[in-house]
C-alpha cells in the first residue's frame, strides 16, 4: 500500500500480494492518499486468480497509474523459491527497459 505524497513505485512485481491484509476491492495493492504519486511499469499476479480478473491496484483518488500489467511473471520455480524470470516472462520487457525520465 502506498500512502503520502510524491511516492515513486516503478518496475516491481507484485506476486500473491494482499492475501491477508486486504487492500480495498481485493486489489493487489492500494494507493490510498496523497498527491503527485507515480506508479508505472509494474506487474501484478495472484495465483488464486489465474484469469487475471482481480484488480491490480485500488486507487482512492484517480491519478498516476501507467503501463501496469496483470500477468503471470513466469518465475522459474516459485515453489522452491527460484524467483528468476523464465525466458518468456512478460516481466522481462519491464526489467530490460531504461527508466530515464520520471515525472
Protein backbone atom coordinates (compact mmCIF):
# COMPACT_ATOMS: atom_id res chain seq x y z
CA UNK A 1 0.00 0.00 0.00
CA UNK A 2 1.19 3.47 -0.84
CA UNK A 3 0.44 6.42 1.44
CA UNK A 4 1.56 10.01 1.35
CA UNK A 5 2.84 12.36 -1.30
CA UNK A 6 5.43 12.15 -4.07
CA UNK A 7 5.89 8.36 -3.99
CA UNK A 8 7.52 6.64 -6.96
CA UNK A 9 6.61 2.96 -7.36
CA UNK A 10 8.22 1.73 -10.60
CA UNK A 11 9.37 -1.63 -12.04
CA UNK A 12 8.03 -4.01 -9.38
CA UNK A 13 6.47 -7.44 -9.44
CA UNK A 14 3.55 -7.96 -7.03
CA UNK A 15 3.14 -11.73 -6.66
CA UNK A 16 0.37 -13.16 -4.47
CA UNK A 17 0.27 -9.79 -2.78
CA UNK A 18 -2.54 -8.84 -0.40
CA UNK A 19 -3.66 -12.32 0.56
CA UNK A 20 -4.08 -11.40 4.24
CA UNK A 21 -4.12 -7.64 4.79
CA UNK A 22 -6.76 -6.81 2.23
CA UNK A 23 -6.43 -3.74 0.04
CA UNK A 24 -9.82 -2.41 -0.95
CA UNK A 25 -11.80 -4.36 -3.54
CA UNK A 26 -9.34 -7.28 -3.19
CA UNK A 27 -6.71 -5.46 -5.23
CA UNK A 28 -3.05 -6.46 -5.20
CA UNK A 29 -2.01 -3.03 -3.96
CA UNK A 30 -3.60 0.20 -2.89
CA UNK A 31 -2.96 3.88 -3.39
CA UNK A 32 -4.95 5.49 -0.61
CA UNK A 33 -3.90 9.07 -0.18
CA UNK A 34 -1.54 11.78 -1.25
CA UNK A 35 -0.70 13.75 -4.32
CA UNK A 36 1.92 13.61 -7.06
CA UNK A 37 2.36 9.84 -6.80
CA UNK A 38 3.73 7.90 -9.78
CA UNK A 39 3.01 4.19 -10.35
CA UNK A 40 4.46 2.89 -13.62
CA UNK A 41 5.62 -0.35 -15.26
CA UNK A 42 4.62 -2.77 -12.50
CA UNK A 43 3.40 -6.32 -12.97
CA UNK A 44 0.82 -7.88 -10.64
CA UNK A 45 -0.20 -11.55 -10.43
CA UNK A 46 -2.11 -13.72 -8.00
CA UNK A 47 -2.05 -17.50 -8.37
CA UNK A 48 -5.55 -17.74 -6.86
CA UNK A 49 -6.85 -15.68 -9.81
CA UNK A 50 -5.41 -17.33 -12.93
CA UNK A 51 -7.91 -15.50 -15.11
CA UNK A 52 -6.39 -12.16 -14.11
CA UNK A 53 -9.74 -10.65 -13.15
CA UNK A 54 -8.60 -9.39 -9.76
CA UNK A 55 -7.70 -5.71 -9.69
CA UNK A 56 -4.01 -4.92 -9.77
CA UNK A 57 -4.35 -1.54 -7.99
CA UNK A 58 -7.04 0.11 -5.92
CA UNK A 59 -6.89 3.89 -6.30
CA UNK A 60 -8.98 6.02 -3.96
CA UNK A 61 -8.33 9.16 -5.98
CA UNK A 62 -7.69 8.82 -9.70
CA UNK A 63 -4.15 9.65 -10.72
CA UNK A 64 -0.99 8.16 -11.84
CA UNK A 65 -1.27 4.53 -12.96
CA UNK A 66 0.61 3.95 -16.21
CA UNK A 67 1.83 0.92 -18.14
CA UNK A 68 1.00 -1.66 -15.44
CA UNK A 69 0.24 -5.29 -16.34
CA UNK A 70 -1.77 -8.12 -14.82
CA UNK A 71 0.13 -11.20 -15.98
CA UNK A 72 1.91 -14.27 -14.65
CA UNK A 73 5.60 -13.29 -14.28
CA UNK A 74 6.60 -16.89 -15.09
CA UNK A 75 9.18 -17.34 -12.36
CA UNK A 76 11.36 -20.41 -12.93
CA UNK A 77 10.30 -22.24 -9.75
CA UNK A 78 8.47 -20.15 -7.12
CA UNK A 79 7.65 -23.26 -5.07
CA UNK A 80 11.35 -23.78 -4.25
CA UNK A 81 11.87 -20.34 -4.30
CA UNK A 82 13.64 -19.62 -7.54
CA UNK A 83 12.43 -16.13 -8.44
CA UNK A 84 14.45 -15.84 -11.64
CA UNK A 85 12.32 -14.92 -14.62
CA UNK A 86 11.64 -17.57 -17.25
CA UNK A 87 12.67 -16.88 -20.85
CA UNK A 88 9.18 -15.81 -21.95
CA UNK A 89 8.29 -13.80 -18.85
CA UNK A 90 6.28 -10.63 -19.56
CA UNK A 91 8.27 -9.01 -16.75
CA UNK A 92 11.44 -9.15 -18.87
CA UNK A 93 10.14 -6.31 -21.01
CA UNK A 94 9.72 -4.20 -17.89
CA UNK A 95 13.08 -5.24 -16.47
CA UNK A 96 15.04 -4.55 -19.63
CA UNK A 97 13.78 -1.04 -20.33
CA UNK A 98 15.68 2.02 -19.25
CA UNK A 99 13.81 4.29 -16.87
CA UNK A 100 15.28 7.59 -17.89
CA UNK A 101 12.56 10.09 -17.14
CA UNK A 102 10.29 10.33 -14.13
CA UNK A 103 7.53 12.94 -13.88
